[in-house]
Amino acid sequence: MELVSILVATITSFLFGAIWYTFLAKPWMVASGVALDESGQPANRKSPFPYLISLIGTAVVAAMIQHIFARSGIVIFFEGLVSGLGLGLFVAVPWLATNYGFAGRPFRLILIDGGYATIGCMIIGAVLTLF
């Protein structure tokens, strides 16, 4: 059952990311400084590599959150939701902020990517408690 819950949590969070970055595409492209093609879209948008890395990364996060929940006895939906929120907001975002700060990246990028990390972890935490 753990594998199924991890898979569903991975897909759910990954799909949320697709929606998040669809709505925030323009501000993200400006803030990230990603290379754009002649149509104004990311130059690597047709490459499957970033999507594959994202999917694998989301699966690794979901598996680790599942492990943490199993060791901590987190099985109730609200506990999973809040714990996922906490992991995103107080573990993932500070790492992003540190890296982006030293790289001189705009604060707006921390908000966009940190928002995805926070809500994505919250979704994973909530979904994992449903199985």
C-alpha atoms as a PDB file:
ATOM      1  CA  MET A   1       0.000   0.000   0.000  1.00  0.00           C
ATOM      2  CA  GLU A   2       2.923   2.370   0.673  1.00  0.00           C
ATOM      3  CA  LEU A   3       4.035   2.201  -2.951  1.00  0.00           C
ATOM      4  CA  VAL A   4       0.533   3.059  -4.191  1.00  0.00           C
ATOM      5  CA  SER A   5       0.239   6.011  -1.798  1.00  0.00           C
ATOM      6  CA  ILE A   6       3.684   7.277  -2.799  1.00  0.00           C
ATOM      7  CA  LEU A   7       2.790   6.976  -6.483  1.00  0.00           C
ATOM      8  CA  VAL A   8      -0.538   8.796  -6.057  1.00  0.00           C
ATOM      9  CA  ALA A   9       1.094  11.503  -3.911  1.00  0.00           C
ATOM     10  CA  THR A  10       3.855  11.919  -6.511  1.00  0.00           C
ATOM     11  CA  ILE A  11       1.430  12.278  -9.406  1.00  0.00           C
ATOM     12  CA  THR A  12      -0.867  14.615  -7.478  1.00  0.00           C
ATOM     13  CA  SER A  13       1.957  16.943  -6.442  1.00  0.00           C
ATOM     14  CA  PHE A  14       3.530  16.812  -9.922  1.00  0.00           C
ATOM     15  CA  LEU A  15       0.198  17.782 -11.507  1.00  0.00           C
ATOM     16  CA  PHE A  16      -0.161  20.612  -9.011  1.00  0.00           C
ATOM     17  CA  GLY A  17       3.280  21.809 -10.130  1.00  0.00           C
ATOM     18  CA  ALA A  18       2.136  21.804 -13.749  1.00  0.00           C
ATOM     19  CA  ILE A  19      -0.805  24.012 -12.817  1.00  0.00           C
ATOM     20  CA  TRP A  20       1.302  26.250 -10.528  1.00  0.00           C
ATOM     21  CA  TYR A  21       3.942  26.918 -13.160  1.00  0.00           C
ATOM     22  CA  THR A  22       1.376  27.320 -15.945  1.00  0.00           C
ATOM     23  CA  PHE A  23      -0.189  30.219 -14.055  1.00  0.00           C
ATOM     24  CA  LEU A  24       3.155  31.641 -12.933  1.00  0.00           C
ATOM     25  CA  ALA A  25       5.080  30.967 -16.157  1.00  0.00           C
ATOM     26  CA  LYS A  26       5.804  34.557 -17.131  1.00  0.00           C
ATOM     27  CA  PRO A  27       6.915  35.826 -13.712  1.00  0.00           C
ATOM     28  CA  TRP A  28       8.931  32.626 -13.200  1.00  0.00           C
ATOM     29  CA  MET A  29      10.705  33.019 -16.557  1.00  0.00           C
ATOM     30  CA  VAL A  30      11.640  36.608 -15.697  1.00  0.00           C
ATOM     31  CA  ALA A  31      12.744  35.803 -12.136  1.00  0.00           C
ATOM     32  CA  SER A  32      14.667  32.649 -13.054  1.00  0.00           C
ATOM     33  CA  GLY A  33      16.458  34.148 -16.031  1.00  0.00           C
ATOM     34  CA  VAL A  34      15.890  30.932 -17.968  1.00  0.00           C
ATOM     35  CA  ALA A  35      17.047  31.029 -21.593  1.00  0.00           C
ATOM     36  CA  LEU A  36      14.153  31.709 -23.953  1.00  0.00           C
ATOM     37  CA  ASP A  37      13.692  30.741 -27.594  1.00  0.00           C
ATOM     38  CA  GLU A  38      12.505  33.089 -30.346  1.00  0.00           C
ATOM     39  CA  SER A  39       8.857  32.563 -29.321  1.00  0.00           C
ATOM     40  CA  GLY A  40       9.552  33.707 -25.748  1.00  0.00           C
ATOM     41  CA  GLN A  41       9.239  30.200 -24.283  1.00  0.00           C
ATOM     42  CA  PRO A  42      11.952  28.348 -22.318  1.00  0.00           C
ATOM     43  CA  ALA A  43      14.555  27.067 -24.779  1.00  0.00           C
ATOM     44  CA  ASN A  44      14.514  23.598 -23.185  1.00  0.00           C
ATOM     45  CA  ARG A  45      10.708  23.224 -23.020  1.00  0.00           C
ATOM     46  CA  LYS A  46      10.686  20.366 -25.537  1.00  0.00           C
ATOM     47  CA  SER A  47      13.320  18.411 -23.639  1.00  0.00           C
ATOM     48  CA  PRO A  48      11.877  15.648 -21.457  1.00  0.00           C
ATOM     49  CA  PHE A  49      14.843  15.902 -19.058  1.00  0.00           C
ATOM     50  CA  PRO A  50      13.546  18.678 -16.740  1.00  0.00           C
ATOM     51  CA  TYR A  51      10.165  16.942 -16.486  1.00  0.00           C
ATOM     52  CA  LEU A  52      11.779  13.591 -15.756  1.00  0.00           C
ATOM     53  CA  ILE A  53      14.032  15.107 -13.089  1.00  0.00           C
ATOM     54  CA  SER A  54      10.997  16.838 -11.567  1.00  0.00           C
ATOM     55  CA  LEU A  55       8.961  13.636 -11.497  1.00  0.00           C
ATOM     56  CA  ILE A  56      11.809  11.637  -9.959  1.00  0.00           C
ATOM     57  CA  GLY A  57      12.485  14.401  -7.430  1.00  0.00           C
ATOM     58  CA  THR A  58       8.826  14.516  -6.446  1.00  0.00           C
ATOM     59  CA  ALA A  59       8.806  10.726  -6.007  1.00  0.00           C
ATOM     60  CA  VAL A  60      11.893  10.901  -3.777  1.00  0.00           C
ATOM     61  CA  VAL A  61      10.266  13.615  -1.657  1.00  0.00           C
ATOM     62  CA  ALA A  62       7.025  11.612  -1.411  1.00  0.00           C
ATOM     63  CA  ALA A  63       8.933   8.476  -0.405  1.00  0.00           C
ATOM     64  CA  MET A  64      10.871  10.354   2.279  1.00  0.00           C
ATOM     65  CA  ILE A  65       7.738  12.005   3.640  1.00  0.00           C
ATOM     66  CA  GLN A  66       6.091   8.572   3.734  1.00  0.00           C
ATOM     67  CA  HIS A  67       9.064   7.273   5.706  1.00  0.00           C
ATOM     68  CA  ILE A  68       8.893  10.193   8.146  1.00  0.00           C
ATOM     69  CA  PHE A  69       5.142   9.690   8.582  1.00  0.00           C
ATOM     70  CA  ALA A  70       5.548   5.950   9.179  1.00  0.00           C
ATOM     71  CA  ARG A  71       8.238   6.535  11.814  1.00  0.00           C
ATOM     72  CA  SER A  72       6.202   9.337  13.438  1.00  0.00           C
ATOM     73  CA  GLY A  73       2.826   7.613  13.368  1.00  0.00           C
ATOM     74  CA  ILE A  74       1.184  10.293  11.212  1.00  0.00           C
ATOM     75  CA  VAL A  75      -1.964   8.734   9.736  1.00  0.00           C
ATOM     76  CA  ILE A  76      -4.680  11.388  10.090  1.00  0.00           C
ATOM     77  CA  PHE A  77      -5.396  13.637   7.079  1.00  0.00           C
ATOM     78  CA  PHE A  78      -5.049  16.948   8.947  1.00  0.00           C
ATOM     79  CA  GLU A  79      -1.790  15.797  10.560  1.00  0.00           C
ATOM     80  CA  GLY A  80      -0.433  14.843   7.135  1.00  0.00           C
ATOM     81  CA  LEU A  81      -1.522  18.148   5.652  1.00  0.00           C
ATOM     82  CA  VAL A  82       0.086  20.215   8.418  1.00  0.00           C
ATOM     83  CA  SER A  83       3.220  18.062   8.564  1.00  0.00           C
ATOM     84  CA  GLY A  84       3.674  18.312   4.796  1.00  0.00           C
ATOM     85  CA  LEU A  85       3.173  22.064   5.017  1.00  0.00           C
ATOM     86  CA  GLY A  86       5.798  22.253   7.755  1.00  0.00           C
ATOM     87  CA  LEU A  87       8.307  20.169   5.813  1.00  0.00           C
ATOM     88  CA  GLY A  88       7.886  22.357   2.741  1.00  0.00           C
ATOM     89  CA  LEU A  89       7.869  25.683   4.549  1.00  0.00           C
ATOM     90  CA  PHE A  90      10.510  24.974   7.179  1.00  0.00           C
ATOM     91  CA  VAL A  91      12.823  22.487   5.420  1.00  0.00           C
ATOM     92  CA  ALA A  92      12.589  22.930   1.638  1.00  0.00           C
ATOM     93  CA  VAL A  93      12.096  26.701   1.436  1.00  0.00           C
ATOM     94  CA  PRO A  94      15.030  27.653   3.694  1.00  0.00           C
ATOM     95  CA  TRP A  95      17.350  25.554   1.497  1.00  0.00           C
ATOM     96  CA  LEU A  96      15.992  27.236  -1.636  1.00  0.00           C
ATOM     97  CA  ALA A  97      16.307  30.655  -0.029  1.00  0.00           C
ATOM     98  CA  THR A  98      19.903  29.966   1.017  1.00  0.00           C
ATOM     99  CA  ASN A  99      20.918  28.767  -2.433  1.00  0.00           C
ATOM    100  CA  TYR A 100      19.063  31.546  -4.248  1.00  0.00           C
ATOM    101  CA  GLY A 101      20.419  34.172  -1.856  1.00  0.00           C
ATOM    102  CA  PHE A 102      24.043  33.210  -2.498  1.00  0.00           C
ATOM    103  CA  ALA A 103      23.346  32.964  -6.239  1.00  0.00           C
ATOM    104  CA  GLY A 104      21.865  36.466  -6.225  1.00  0.00           C
ATOM    105  CA  ARG A 105      18.495  35.259  -7.480  1.00  0.00           C
ATOM    106  CA  PRO A 106      15.456  37.524  -7.101  1.00  0.00           C
ATOM    107  CA  PHE A 107      13.292  37.205  -3.983  1.00  0.00           C
ATOM    108  CA  ARG A 108      10.314  36.664  -6.289  1.00  0.00           C
ATOM    109  CA  LEU A 109      11.881  33.384  -7.441  1.00  0.00           C
ATOM    110  CA  ILE A 110      12.070  32.212  -3.825  1.00  0.00           C
ATOM    111  CA  LEU A 111       8.362  32.980  -3.472  1.00  0.00           C
ATOM    112  CA  ILE A 112       7.392  31.149  -6.668  1.00  0.00           C
ATOM    113  CA  ASP A 113       9.562  28.063  -6.210  1.00  0.00           C
ATOM    114  CA  GLY A 114       9.161  28.069  -2.424  1.00  0.00           C
ATOM    115  CA  GLY A 115       5.393  28.282  -2.823  1.00  0.00           C
ATOM    116  CA  TYR A 116       5.455  25.223  -5.052  1.00  0.00           C
ATOM    117  CA  ALA A 117       7.715  23.329  -2.626  1.00  0.00           C
ATOM    118  CA  THR A 118       5.496  24.221   0.317  1.00  0.00           C
ATOM    119  CA  ILE A 119       2.150  23.443  -1.274  1.00  0.00           C
ATOM    120  CA  GLY A 120       3.583  20.416  -3.088  1.00  0.00           C
ATOM    121  CA  CYS A 121       4.787  18.921   0.218  1.00  0.00           C
ATOM    122  CA  MET A 122       1.461  19.761   1.822  1.00  0.00           C
ATOM    123  CA  ILE A 123      -0.351  17.897  -0.965  1.00  0.00           C
ATOM    124  CA  ILE A 124       1.988  14.927  -0.615  1.00  0.00           C
ATOM    125  CA  GLY A 125       1.443  14.856   3.151  1.00  0.00           C
ATOM    126  CA  ALA A 126      -2.314  14.982   2.775  1.00  0.00           C
ATOM    127  CA  VAL A 127      -2.473  12.324   0.045  1.00  0.00           C
ATOM    128  CA  LEU A 128      -0.194   9.930   1.923  1.00  0.00           C
ATOM    129  CA  THR A 129      -2.657   9.805   4.819  1.00  0.00           C
ATOM    130  CA  LEU A 130      -5.521   8.737   2.544  1.00  0.00           C
ATOM    131  CA  PHE A 131      -4.135   5.208   2.089  1.00  0.00           C
END
